[in-house]
Amino acid sequence: MSEINGFIANEVQNNDVVLFMKGTPDFPQCGFSGQVVQILDYLGVDYKGINILTSDELRQGIKDYSSWPTIPQLYVKGEFIGGCDIVREMFQAGELQDALTQKGISVRGAA
């Protein structure tokens, strides 16, 4: 396992909710990352944002890790949930809130 893969695996396994994104939660640097940040913030989810723009190795490493070609990437309790479109569709259908609460993540406004 490469050093970057080890870093990614460690972050995914040791944080309940992790968003690999362009920019930071306070300053997203692409619209798609910004949309996922807005959804997570709206739900009041405590998450860790990791800026993939800090390193080309990290940017490529997360794509290899998930076999998913785009950023952002959302992980919950070690499981890859998806990118912006999937997260947005799940949110709009109420499925994201259910998935989070089923994994023990507190969500604002959830039953």
PDB file of N, CA and C in Angstrom:
ATOM      1  N   MET A   1       0.850  -1.187   0.000  1.00  0.00           N
ATOM      2  CA  MET A   1       0.000   0.000   0.000  1.00  0.00           C
ATOM      3  C   MET A   1       0.891   1.244   0.000  1.00  0.00           C
ATOM      4  N   SER A   2       0.576   2.150  -0.907  1.00  0.00           N
ATOM      5  CA  SER A   2       1.368   3.368  -0.990  1.00  0.00           C
ATOM      6  C   SER A   2       1.098   4.254   0.233  1.00  0.00           C
ATOM      7  N   GLU A   3       2.000   5.214   0.426  1.00  0.00           N
ATOM      8  CA  GLU A   3       1.849   6.130   1.551  1.00  0.00           C
ATOM      9  C   GLU A   3       0.541   6.910   1.446  1.00  0.00           C
ATOM     10  N   ILE A   4       0.191   7.331   0.241  1.00  0.00           N
ATOM     11  CA  ILE A   4      -1.041   8.121   0.064  1.00  0.00           C
ATOM     12  C   ILE A   4      -2.266   7.252   0.320  1.00  0.00           C
ATOM     13  N   ASN A   5      -2.223   5.996  -0.120  1.00  0.00           N
ATOM     14  CA  ASN A   5      -3.337   5.083   0.140  1.00  0.00           C
ATOM     15  C   ASN A   5      -3.510   4.856   1.633  1.00  0.00           C
ATOM     16  N   GLY A   6      -2.392   4.748   2.345  1.00  0.00           N
ATOM     17  CA  GLY A   6      -2.443   4.591   3.789  1.00  0.00           C
ATOM     18  C   GLY A   6      -3.066   5.798   4.461  1.00  0.00           C
ATOM     19  N   PHE A   7      -2.690   6.985   3.995  1.00  0.00           N
ATOM     20  CA  PHE A   7      -3.254   8.226   4.528  1.00  0.00           C
ATOM     21  C   PHE A   7      -4.766   8.256   4.305  1.00  0.00           C
ATOM     22  N   ILE A   8      -5.197   7.952   3.077  1.00  0.00           N
ATOM     23  CA  ILE A   8      -6.625   7.975   2.744  1.00  0.00           C
ATOM     24  C   ILE A   8      -7.382   6.953   3.589  1.00  0.00           C
ATOM     25  N   ALA A   9      -6.862   5.735   3.651  1.00  0.00           N
ATOM     26  CA  ALA A   9      -7.525   4.674   4.419  1.00  0.00           C
ATOM     27  C   ALA A   9      -7.652   5.075   5.887  1.00  0.00           C
ATOM     28  N   ASN A  10      -6.602   5.678   6.438  1.00  0.00           N
ATOM     29  CA  ASN A  10      -6.618   6.118   7.821  1.00  0.00           C
ATOM     30  C   ASN A  10      -7.693   7.177   8.049  1.00  0.00           C
ATOM     31  N   GLU A  11      -7.785   8.149   7.153  1.00  0.00           N
ATOM     32  CA  GLU A  11      -8.786   9.219   7.290  1.00  0.00           C
ATOM     33  C   GLU A  11     -10.202   8.645   7.190  1.00  0.00           C
ATOM     34  N   VAL A  12     -10.406   7.750   6.234  1.00  0.00           N
ATOM     35  CA  VAL A  12     -11.730   7.172   5.998  1.00  0.00           C
ATOM     36  C   VAL A  12     -12.163   6.311   7.194  1.00  0.00           C
ATOM     37  N   GLN A  13     -11.199   5.593   7.772  1.00  0.00           N
ATOM     38  CA  GLN A  13     -11.537   4.676   8.861  1.00  0.00           C
ATOM     39  C   GLN A  13     -11.638   5.361  10.220  1.00  0.00           C
ATOM     40  N   ASN A  14     -10.961   6.492  10.394  1.00  0.00           N
ATOM     41  CA  ASN A  14     -10.912   7.127  11.710  1.00  0.00           C
ATOM     42  C   ASN A  14     -11.801   8.353  11.863  1.00  0.00           C
ATOM     43  N   ASN A  15     -12.530   8.699  10.818  1.00  0.00           N
ATOM     44  CA  ASN A  15     -13.486   9.804  10.893  1.00  0.00           C
ATOM     45  C   ASN A  15     -14.840   9.273  10.440  1.00  0.00           C
ATOM     46  N   ASP A  16     -15.887   9.571  11.200  1.00  0.00           N
ATOM     47  CA  ASP A  16     -17.211   9.049  10.850  1.00  0.00           C
ATOM     48  C   ASP A  16     -17.668   9.524   9.478  1.00  0.00           C
ATOM     49  N   VAL A  17     -17.448  10.816   9.201  1.00  0.00           N
ATOM     50  CA  VAL A  17     -17.859  11.379   7.912  1.00  0.00           C
ATOM     51  C   VAL A  17     -16.682  12.173   7.353  1.00  0.00           C
ATOM     52  N   VAL A  18     -16.249  11.812   6.151  1.00  0.00           N
ATOM     53  CA  VAL A  18     -15.124  12.478   5.506  1.00  0.00           C
ATOM     54  C   VAL A  18     -15.530  12.890   4.099  1.00  0.00           C
ATOM     55  N   LEU A  19     -15.226  14.135   3.754  1.00  0.00           N
ATOM     56  CA  LEU A  19     -15.461  14.634   2.409  1.00  0.00           C
ATOM     57  C   LEU A  19     -14.119  15.012   1.787  1.00  0.00           C
ATOM     58  N   PHE A  20     -13.725  14.253   0.766  1.00  0.00           N
ATOM     59  CA  PHE A  20     -12.554  14.635  -0.033  1.00  0.00           C
ATOM     60  C   PHE A  20     -13.072  15.608  -1.071  1.00  0.00           C
ATOM     61  N   MET A  21     -12.516  16.819  -1.065  1.00  0.00           N
ATOM     62  CA  MET A  21     -13.103  17.903  -1.849  1.00  0.00           C
ATOM     63  C   MET A  21     -12.025  18.831  -2.394  1.00  0.00           C
ATOM     64  N   LYS A  22     -12.450  19.689  -3.320  1.00  0.00           N
ATOM     65  CA  LYS A  22     -11.574  20.750  -3.806  1.00  0.00           C
ATOM     66  C   LYS A  22     -11.826  21.965  -2.924  1.00  0.00           C
ATOM     67  N   GLY A  23     -10.799  22.355  -2.192  1.00  0.00           N
ATOM     68  CA  GLY A  23     -10.940  23.448  -1.241  1.00  0.00           C
ATOM     69  C   GLY A  23     -11.231  22.906   0.143  1.00  0.00           C
ATOM     70  N   THR A  24     -11.803  23.774   0.982  1.00  0.00           N
ATOM     71  CA  THR A  24     -12.109  23.418   2.362  1.00  0.00           C
ATOM     72  C   THR A  24     -13.602  23.659   2.608  1.00  0.00           C
ATOM     73  N   PRO A  25     -14.149  23.104   3.696  1.00  0.00           N
ATOM     74  CA  PRO A  25     -15.567  23.363   3.983  1.00  0.00           C
ATOM     75  C   PRO A  25     -15.889  24.858   4.077  1.00  0.00           C
ATOM     76  N   ASP A  26     -14.959  25.657   4.588  1.00  0.00           N
ATOM     77  CA  ASP A  26     -15.192  27.108   4.696  1.00  0.00           C
ATOM     78  C   ASP A  26     -15.013  27.825   3.369  1.00  0.00           C
ATOM     79  N   PHE A  27     -14.248  27.213   2.460  1.00  0.00           N
ATOM     80  CA  PHE A  27     -13.945  27.864   1.183  1.00  0.00           C
ATOM     81  C   PHE A  27     -13.837  26.819   0.071  1.00  0.00           C
ATOM     82  N   PRO A  28     -14.982  26.232  -0.323  1.00  0.00           N
ATOM     83  CA  PRO A  28     -14.947  25.258  -1.416  1.00  0.00           C
ATOM     84  C   PRO A  28     -14.433  25.912  -2.689  1.00  0.00           C
ATOM     85  N   GLN A  29     -13.640  25.166  -3.464  1.00  0.00           N
ATOM     86  CA  GLN A  29     -13.066  25.735  -4.673  1.00  0.00           C
ATOM     87  C   GLN A  29     -13.633  25.126  -5.950  1.00  0.00           C
ATOM     88  N   CYS A  30     -14.765  24.449  -5.839  1.00  0.00           N
ATOM     89  CA  CYS A  30     -15.526  24.083  -7.032  1.00  0.00           C
ATOM     90  C   CYS A  30     -16.983  23.960  -6.626  1.00  0.00           C
ATOM     91  N   GLY A  31     -17.862  24.155  -7.592  1.00  0.00           N
ATOM     92  CA  GLY A  31     -19.299  24.149  -7.314  1.00  0.00           C
ATOM     93  C   GLY A  31     -19.799  22.831  -6.760  1.00  0.00           C
ATOM     94  N   PHE A  32     -19.244  21.739  -7.255  1.00  0.00           N
ATOM     95  CA  PHE A  32     -19.715  20.422  -6.810  1.00  0.00           C
ATOM     96  C   PHE A  32     -19.346  20.183  -5.351  1.00  0.00           C
ATOM     97  N   SER A  33     -18.103  20.522  -4.986  1.00  0.00           N
ATOM     98  CA  SER A  33     -17.694  20.405  -3.589  1.00  0.00           C
ATOM     99  C   SER A  33     -18.570  21.308  -2.726  1.00  0.00           C
ATOM    100  N   GLY A  34     -18.844  22.505  -3.217  1.00  0.00           N
ATOM    101  CA  GLY A  34     -19.678  23.458  -2.486  1.00  0.00           C
ATOM    102  C   GLY A  34     -21.077  22.934  -2.230  1.00  0.00           C
ATOM    103  N   GLN A  35     -21.648  22.231  -3.225  1.00  0.00           N
ATOM    104  CA  GLN A  35     -22.997  21.687  -3.055  1.00  0.00           C
ATOM    105  C   GLN A  35     -23.033  20.641  -1.947  1.00  0.00           C
ATOM    106  N   VAL A  36     -22.027  19.766  -1.910  1.00  0.00           N
ATOM    107  CA  VAL A  36     -21.996  18.720  -0.880  1.00  0.00           C
ATOM    108  C   VAL A  36     -21.792  19.361   0.492  1.00  0.00           C
ATOM    109  N   VAL A  37     -20.925  20.373   0.577  1.00  0.00           N
ATOM    110  CA  VAL A  37     -20.722  21.105   1.827  1.00  0.00           C
ATOM    111  C   VAL A  37     -22.051  21.713   2.287  1.00  0.00           C
ATOM    112  N   GLN A  38     -22.798  22.319   1.377  1.00  0.00           N
ATOM    113  CA  GLN A  38     -24.084  22.935   1.733  1.00  0.00           C
ATOM    114  C   GLN A  38     -25.053  21.897   2.291  1.00  0.00           C
ATOM    115  N   ILE A  39     -25.093  20.724   1.671  1.00  0.00           N
ATOM    116  CA  ILE A  39     -25.989  19.658   2.124  1.00  0.00           C
ATOM    117  C   ILE A  39     -25.591  19.187   3.516  1.00  0.00           C
ATOM    118  N   LEU A  40     -24.303  18.921   3.712  1.00  0.00           N
ATOM    119  CA  LEU A  40     -23.844  18.445   5.018  1.00  0.00           C
ATOM    120  C   LEU A  40     -24.065  19.507   6.095  1.00  0.00           C
ATOM    121  N   ASP A  41     -23.799  20.767   5.752  1.00  0.00           N
ATOM    122  CA  ASP A  41     -24.012  21.854   6.713  1.00  0.00           C
ATOM    123  C   ASP A  41     -25.500  22.003   7.032  1.00  0.00           C
ATOM    124  N   TYR A  42     -26.340  21.888   6.017  1.00  0.00           N
ATOM    125  CA  TYR A  42     -27.784  21.990   6.213  1.00  0.00           C
ATOM    126  C   TYR A  42     -28.272  20.898   7.171  1.00  0.00           C
ATOM    127  N   LEU A  43     -27.690  19.714   7.026  1.00  0.00           N
ATOM    128  CA  LEU A  43     -28.075  18.590   7.877  1.00  0.00           C
ATOM    129  C   LEU A  43     -27.401  18.646   9.244  1.00  0.00           C
ATOM    130  N   GLY A  44     -26.472  19.591   9.423  1.00  0.00           N
ATOM    131  CA  GLY A  44     -25.793  19.723  10.696  1.00  0.00           C
ATOM    132  C   GLY A  44     -24.854  18.565  10.991  1.00  0.00           C
ATOM    133  N   VAL A  45     -24.338  17.954   9.937  1.00  0.00           N
ATOM    134  CA  VAL A  45     -23.457  16.796  10.104  1.00  0.00           C
ATOM    135  C   VAL A  45     -22.046  17.262  10.443  1.00  0.00           C
ATOM    136  N   ASP A  46     -21.460  16.630  11.432  1.00  0.00           N
ATOM    137  CA  ASP A  46     -20.074  16.893  11.798  1.00  0.00           C
ATOM    138  C   ASP A  46     -19.198  16.061  10.869  1.00  0.00           C
ATOM    139  N   TYR A  47     -18.386  16.702  10.061  1.00  0.00           N
ATOM    140  CA  TYR A  47     -17.570  15.971   9.091  1.00  0.00           C
ATOM    141  C   TYR A  47     -16.198  16.601   8.963  1.00  0.00           C
ATOM    142  N   LYS A  48     -15.292  15.837   8.376  1.00  0.00           N
ATOM    143  CA  LYS A  48     -13.950  16.340   8.116  1.00  0.00           C
ATOM    144  C   LYS A  48     -13.808  16.561   6.619  1.00  0.00           C
ATOM    145  N   GLY A  49     -13.435  17.764   6.238  1.00  0.00           N
ATOM    146  CA  GLY A  49     -13.157  18.066   4.835  1.00  0.00           C
ATOM    147  C   GLY A  49     -11.668  17.946   4.572  1.00  0.00           C
ATOM    148  N   ILE A  50     -11.306  17.255   3.503  1.00  0.00           N
ATOM    149  CA  ILE A  50      -9.899  17.117   3.127  1.00  0.00           C
ATOM    150  C   ILE A  50      -9.716  17.708   1.740  1.00  0.00           C
ATOM    151  N   ASN A  51      -8.848  18.710   1.652  1.00  0.00           N
ATOM    152  CA  ASN A  51      -8.608  19.438   0.406  1.00  0.00           C
ATOM    153  C   ASN A  51      -7.647  18.646  -0.477  1.00  0.00           C
ATOM    154  N   ILE A  52      -8.158  18.121  -1.596  1.00  0.00           N
ATOM    155  CA  ILE A  52      -7.311  17.327  -2.488  1.00  0.00           C
ATOM    156  C   ILE A  52      -6.426  18.204  -3.363  1.00  0.00           C
ATOM    157  N   LEU A  53      -6.660  19.508  -3.333  1.00  0.00           N
ATOM    158  CA  LEU A  53      -5.840  20.412  -4.150  1.00  0.00           C
ATOM    159  C   LEU A  53      -4.457  20.643  -3.554  1.00  0.00           C
ATOM    160  N   THR A  54      -4.249  20.168  -2.326  1.00  0.00           N
ATOM    161  CA  THR A  54      -2.951  20.380  -1.682  1.00  0.00           C
ATOM    162  C   THR A  54      -1.886  19.463  -2.263  1.00  0.00           C
ATOM    163  N   SER A  55      -2.292  18.430  -2.996  1.00  0.00           N
ATOM    164  CA  SER A  55      -1.322  17.449  -3.476  1.00  0.00           C
ATOM    165  C   SER A  55      -1.855  16.697  -4.686  1.00  0.00           C
ATOM    166  N   ASP A  56      -1.054  16.670  -5.767  1.00  0.00           N
ATOM    167  CA  ASP A  56      -1.436  15.889  -6.950  1.00  0.00           C
ATOM    168  C   ASP A  56      -1.547  14.415  -6.599  1.00  0.00           C
ATOM    169  N   GLU A  57      -0.678  13.977  -5.696  1.00  0.00           N
ATOM    170  CA  GLU A  57      -0.680  12.576  -5.287  1.00  0.00           C
ATOM    171  C   GLU A  57      -1.998  12.234  -4.586  1.00  0.00           C
ATOM    172  N   LEU A  58      -2.469  13.134  -3.727  1.00  0.00           N
ATOM    173  CA  LEU A  58      -3.735  12.925  -3.034  1.00  0.00           C
ATOM    174  C   LEU A  58      -4.893  12.976  -4.032  1.00  0.00           C
ATOM    175  N   ARG A  59      -4.837  13.921  -4.973  1.00  0.00           N
ATOM    176  CA  ARG A  59      -5.909  14.067  -5.960  1.00  0.00           C
ATOM    177  C   ARG A  59      -6.075  12.773  -6.764  1.00  0.00           C
ATOM    178  N   GLN A  60      -4.962  12.212  -7.208  1.00  0.00           N
ATOM    179  CA  GLN A  60      -5.028  10.952  -7.960  1.00  0.00           C
ATOM    180  C   GLN A  60      -5.303   9.775  -7.032  1.00  0.00           C
ATOM    181  N   GLY A  61      -4.722   9.830  -5.834  1.00  0.00           N
ATOM    182  CA  GLY A  61      -4.849   8.727  -4.885  1.00  0.00           C
ATOM    183  C   GLY A  61      -6.280   8.439  -4.486  1.00  0.00           C
ATOM    184  N   ILE A  62      -7.084   9.500  -4.281  1.00  0.00           N
ATOM    185  CA  ILE A  62      -8.472   9.277  -3.852  1.00  0.00           C
ATOM    186  C   ILE A  62      -9.281   8.667  -4.990  1.00  0.00           C
ATOM    187  N   LYS A  63      -8.970   9.033  -6.231  1.00  0.00           N
ATOM    188  CA  LYS A  63      -9.666   8.441  -7.384  1.00  0.00           C
ATOM    189  C   LYS A  63      -9.333   6.959  -7.499  1.00  0.00           C
ATOM    190  N   ASP A  64      -8.068   6.626  -7.260  1.00  0.00           N
ATOM    191  CA  ASP A  64      -7.647   5.224  -7.300  1.00  0.00           C
ATOM    192  C   ASP A  64      -8.267   4.444  -6.147  1.00  0.00           C
ATOM    193  N   TYR A  65      -8.295   5.078  -4.979  1.00  0.00           N
ATOM    194  CA  TYR A  65      -8.796   4.421  -3.767  1.00  0.00           C
ATOM    195  C   TYR A  65     -10.250   3.976  -3.941  1.00  0.00           C
ATOM    196  N   SER A  66     -11.062   4.854  -4.533  1.00  0.00           N
ATOM    197  CA  SER A  66     -12.497   4.581  -4.653  1.00  0.00           C
ATOM    198  C   SER A  66     -12.885   4.002  -6.010  1.00  0.00           C
ATOM    199  N   SER A  67     -11.944   4.031  -6.963  1.00  0.00           N
ATOM    200  CA  SER A  67     -12.271   3.701  -8.354  1.00  0.00           C
ATOM    201  C   SER A  67     -13.398   4.600  -8.862  1.00  0.00           C
ATOM    202  N   TRP A  68     -13.391   5.839  -8.399  1.00  0.00           N
ATOM    203  CA  TRP A  68     -14.400   6.835  -8.780  1.00  0.00           C
ATOM    204  C   TRP A  68     -13.642   8.017  -9.379  1.00  0.00           C
ATOM    205  N   PRO A  69     -14.032   8.478 -10.580  1.00  0.00           N
ATOM    206  CA  PRO A  69     -13.186   9.433 -11.308  1.00  0.00           C
ATOM    207  C   PRO A  69     -13.292  10.896 -10.878  1.00  0.00           C
ATOM    208  N   THR A  70     -14.288  11.227 -10.060  1.00  0.00           N
ATOM    209  CA  THR A  70     -14.509  12.653  -9.795  1.00  0.00           C
ATOM    210  C   THR A  70     -14.418  12.988  -8.313  1.00  0.00           C
ATOM    211  N   ILE A  71     -14.234  14.277  -8.061  1.00  0.00           N
ATOM    212  CA  ILE A  71     -14.212  14.876  -6.728  1.00  0.00           C
ATOM    213  C   ILE A  71     -15.423  15.797  -6.681  1.00  0.00           C
ATOM    214  N   PRO A  72     -16.143  15.946  -5.614  1.00  0.00           N
ATOM    215  CA  PRO A  72     -15.880  15.431  -4.265  1.00  0.00           C
ATOM    216  C   PRO A  72     -16.274  13.962  -4.091  1.00  0.00           C
ATOM    217  N   GLN A  73     -15.792  13.392  -3.009  1.00  0.00           N
ATOM    218  CA  GLN A  73     -16.153  12.029  -2.628  1.00  0.00           C
ATOM    219  C   GLN A  73     -16.500  12.017  -1.148  1.00  0.00           C
ATOM    220  N   LEU A  74     -17.667  11.463  -0.842  1.00  0.00           N
ATOM    221  CA  LEU A  74     -18.149  11.423   0.537  1.00  0.00           C
ATOM    222  C   LEU A  74     -18.075   9.999   1.080  1.00  0.00           C
ATOM    223  N   TYR A  75     -17.481   9.879   2.262  1.00  0.00           N
ATOM    224  CA  TYR A  75     -17.387   8.595   2.958  1.00  0.00           C
ATOM    225  C   TYR A  75     -18.082   8.708   4.306  1.00  0.00           C
ATOM    226  N   VAL A  76     -18.860   7.678   4.649  1.00  0.00           N
ATOM    227  CA  VAL A  76     -19.526   7.625   5.947  1.00  0.00           C
ATOM    228  C   VAL A  76     -19.189   6.294   6.600  1.00  0.00           C
ATOM    229  N   LYS A  77     -18.567   6.371   7.785  1.00  0.00           N
ATOM    230  CA  LYS A  77     -18.182   5.163   8.529  1.00  0.00           C
ATOM    231  C   LYS A  77     -17.408   4.191   7.640  1.00  0.00           C
ATOM    232  N   GLY A  78     -16.479   4.726   6.873  1.00  0.00           N
ATOM    233  CA  GLY A  78     -15.612   3.893   6.051  1.00  0.00           C
ATOM    234  C   GLY A  78     -16.197   3.474   4.721  1.00  0.00           C
ATOM    235  N   GLU A  79     -17.448   3.832   4.460  1.00  0.00           N
ATOM    236  CA  GLU A  79     -18.103   3.415   3.219  1.00  0.00           C
ATOM    237  C   GLU A  79     -18.194   4.581   2.247  1.00  0.00           C
ATOM    238  N   PHE A  80     -17.829   4.326   0.989  1.00  0.00           N
ATOM    239  CA  PHE A  80     -17.933   5.362  -0.052  1.00  0.00           C
ATOM    240  C   PHE A  80     -19.397   5.548  -0.412  1.00  0.00           C
ATOM    241  N   ILE A  81     -19.909   6.757  -0.255  1.00  0.00           N
ATOM    242  CA  ILE A  81     -21.308   7.059  -0.571  1.00  0.00           C
ATOM    243  C   ILE A  81     -21.435   7.492  -2.023  1.00  0.00           C
ATOM    244  N   GLY A  82     -20.582   8.434  -2.448  1.00  0.00           N
ATOM    245  CA  GLY A  82     -20.654   8.891  -3.828  1.00  0.00           C
ATOM    246  C   GLY A  82     -20.145  10.307  -3.972  1.00  0.00           C
ATOM    247  N   GLY A  83     -20.359  10.833  -5.173  1.00  0.00           N
ATOM    248  CA  GLY A  83     -19.964  12.192  -5.486  1.00  0.00           C
ATOM    249  C   GLY A  83     -21.145  13.137  -5.374  1.00  0.00           C
ATOM    250  N   CYS A  84     -21.001  14.306  -5.962  1.00  0.00           N
ATOM    251  CA  CYS A  84     -22.001  15.369  -5.816  1.00  0.00           C
ATOM    252  C   CYS A  84     -23.389  14.937  -6.280  1.00  0.00           C
ATOM    253  N   ASP A  85     -23.506  14.380  -7.485  1.00  0.00           N
ATOM    254  CA  ASP A  85     -24.830  14.032  -8.024  1.00  0.00           C
ATOM    255  C   ASP A  85     -25.531  13.006  -7.144  1.00  0.00           C
ATOM    256  N   ILE A  86     -24.791  11.972  -6.739  1.00  0.00           N
ATOM    257  CA  ILE A  86     -25.374  10.920  -5.907  1.00  0.00           C
ATOM    258  C   ILE A  86     -25.792  11.484  -4.555  1.00  0.00           C
ATOM    259  N   VAL A  87     -24.918  12.268  -3.932  1.00  0.00           N
ATOM    260  CA  VAL A  87     -25.232  12.859  -2.620  1.00  0.00           C
ATOM    261  C   VAL A  87     -26.454  13.762  -2.740  1.00  0.00           C
ATOM    262  N   ARG A  88     -26.503  14.579  -3.791  1.00  0.00           N
ATOM    263  CA  ARG A  88     -27.638  15.501  -3.974  1.00  0.00           C
ATOM    264  C   ARG A  88     -28.934  14.724  -4.183  1.00  0.00           C
ATOM    265  N   GLU A  89     -28.896  13.687  -5.033  1.00  0.00           N
ATOM    266  CA  GLU A  89     -30.108  12.888  -5.294  1.00  0.00           C
ATOM    267  C   GLU A  89     -30.563  12.164  -4.031  1.00  0.00           C
ATOM    268  N   MET A  90     -29.604  11.610  -3.280  1.00  0.00           N
ATOM    269  CA  MET A  90     -29.960  10.925  -2.031  1.00  0.00           C
ATOM    270  C   MET A  90     -30.570  11.906  -1.035  1.00  0.00           C
ATOM    271  N   PHE A  91     -29.988  13.112  -0.959  1.00  0.00           N
ATOM    272  CA  PHE A  91     -30.490  14.142  -0.047  1.00  0.00           C
ATOM    273  C   PHE A  91     -31.922  14.525  -0.408  1.00  0.00           C
ATOM    274  N   GLN A  92     -32.155  14.776  -1.705  1.00  0.00           N
ATOM    275  CA  GLN A  92     -33.482  15.219  -2.146  1.00  0.00           C
ATOM    276  C   GLN A  92     -34.536  14.138  -1.901  1.00  0.00           C
ATOM    277  N   ALA A  93     -34.127  12.869  -1.958  1.00  0.00           N
ATOM    278  CA  ALA A  93     -35.054  11.763  -1.745  1.00  0.00           C
ATOM    279  C   ALA A  93     -35.184  11.384  -0.269  1.00  0.00           C
ATOM    280  N   GLY A  94     -34.374  12.031   0.589  1.00  0.00           N
ATOM    281  CA  GLY A  94     -34.391  11.700   2.006  1.00  0.00           C
ATOM    282  C   GLY A  94     -33.541  10.484   2.353  1.00  0.00           C
ATOM    283  N   GLU A  95     -32.866   9.916   1.343  1.00  0.00           N
ATOM    284  CA  GLU A  95     -32.084   8.698   1.554  1.00  0.00           C
ATOM    285  C   GLU A  95     -30.764   8.977   2.273  1.00  0.00           C
ATOM    286  N   LEU A  96     -30.186  10.145   2.026  1.00  0.00           N
ATOM    287  CA  LEU A  96     -28.917  10.486   2.678  1.00  0.00           C
ATOM    288  C   LEU A  96     -29.127  10.605   4.186  1.00  0.00           C
ATOM    289  N   GLN A  97     -30.205  11.295   4.572  1.00  0.00           N
ATOM    290  CA  GLN A  97     -30.510  11.449   5.983  1.00  0.00           C
ATOM    291  C   GLN A  97     -30.690  10.069   6.637  1.00  0.00           C
ATOM    292  N   ASP A  98     -31.417   9.169   5.958  1.00  0.00           N
ATOM    293  CA  ASP A  98     -31.645   7.819   6.483  1.00  0.00           C
ATOM    294  C   ASP A  98     -30.330   7.058   6.610  1.00  0.00           C
ATOM    295  N   ALA A  99     -29.503   7.144   5.570  1.00  0.00           N
ATOM    296  CA  ALA A  99     -28.227   6.423   5.568  1.00  0.00           C
ATOM    297  C   ALA A  99     -27.340   6.900   6.713  1.00  0.00           C
ATOM    298  N   LEU A 100     -27.321   8.218   6.938  1.00  0.00           N
ATOM    299  CA  LEU A 100     -26.499   8.776   8.015  1.00  0.00           C
ATOM    300  C   LEU A 100     -27.013   8.336   9.382  1.00  0.00           C
ATOM    301  N   THR A 101     -28.326   8.443   9.600  1.00  0.00           N
ATOM    302  CA  THR A 101     -28.870   8.091  10.917  1.00  0.00           C
ATOM    303  C   THR A 101     -28.729   6.594  11.183  1.00  0.00           C
ATOM    304  N   GLN A 102     -28.863   5.782  10.148  1.00  0.00           N
ATOM    305  CA  GLN A 102     -28.687   4.333  10.319  1.00  0.00           C
ATOM    306  C   GLN A 102     -27.269   4.003  10.750  1.00  0.00           C
ATOM    307  N   LYS A 103     -26.317   4.839  10.362  1.00  0.00           N
ATOM    308  CA  LYS A 103     -24.918   4.614  10.741  1.00  0.00           C
ATOM    309  C   LYS A 103     -24.560   5.336  12.040  1.00  0.00           C
ATOM    310  N   GLY A 104     -25.569   5.914  12.675  1.00  0.00           N
ATOM    311  CA  GLY A 104     -25.337   6.544  13.975  1.00  0.00           C
ATOM    312  C   GLY A 104     -24.829   7.962  13.904  1.00  0.00           C
ATOM    313  N   ILE A 105     -24.965   8.600  12.735  1.00  0.00           N
ATOM    314  CA  ILE A 105     -24.550   9.999  12.580  1.00  0.00           C
ATOM    315  C   ILE A 105     -25.762  10.879  12.857  1.00  0.00           C
ATOM    316  N   SER A 106     -25.619  11.839  13.763  1.00  0.00           N
ATOM    317  CA  SER A 106     -26.768  12.685  14.070  1.00  0.00           C
ATOM    318  C   SER A 106     -26.987  13.699  12.939  1.00  0.00           C
ATOM    319  N   VAL A 107     -28.261  13.848  12.589  1.00  0.00           N
ATOM    320  CA  VAL A 107     -28.665  14.718  11.498  1.00  0.00           C
ATOM    321  C   VAL A 107     -29.724  15.683  12.016  1.00  0.00           C
ATOM    322  N   ARG A 108     -29.559  16.954  11.735  1.00  0.00           N
ATOM    323  CA  ARG A 108     -30.523  17.970  12.146  1.00  0.00           C
ATOM    324  C   ARG A 108     -31.863  17.689  11.465  1.00  0.00           C
ATOM    325  N   GLY A 109     -32.920  17.705  12.236  1.00  0.00           N
ATOM    326  CA  GLY A 109     -34.260  17.550  11.670  1.00  0.00           C
ATOM    327  C   GLY A 109     -34.642  16.121  11.364  1.00  0.00           C
ATOM    328  N   ALA A 110     -33.774  15.161  11.699  1.00  0.00           N
ATOM    329  CA  ALA A 110     -34.131  13.762  11.452  1.00  0.00           C
ATOM    330  C   ALA A 110     -35.003  13.263  12.586  1.00  0.00           C
ATOM    331  N   ALA A 111     -35.843  12.302  12.283  1.00  0.00           N
ATOM    332  CA  ALA A 111     -36.777  11.765  13.291  1.00  0.00           C
ATOM    333  C   ALA A 111     -36.013  11.079  14.418  1.00  0.00           C
TER     334      ALA A 111
END
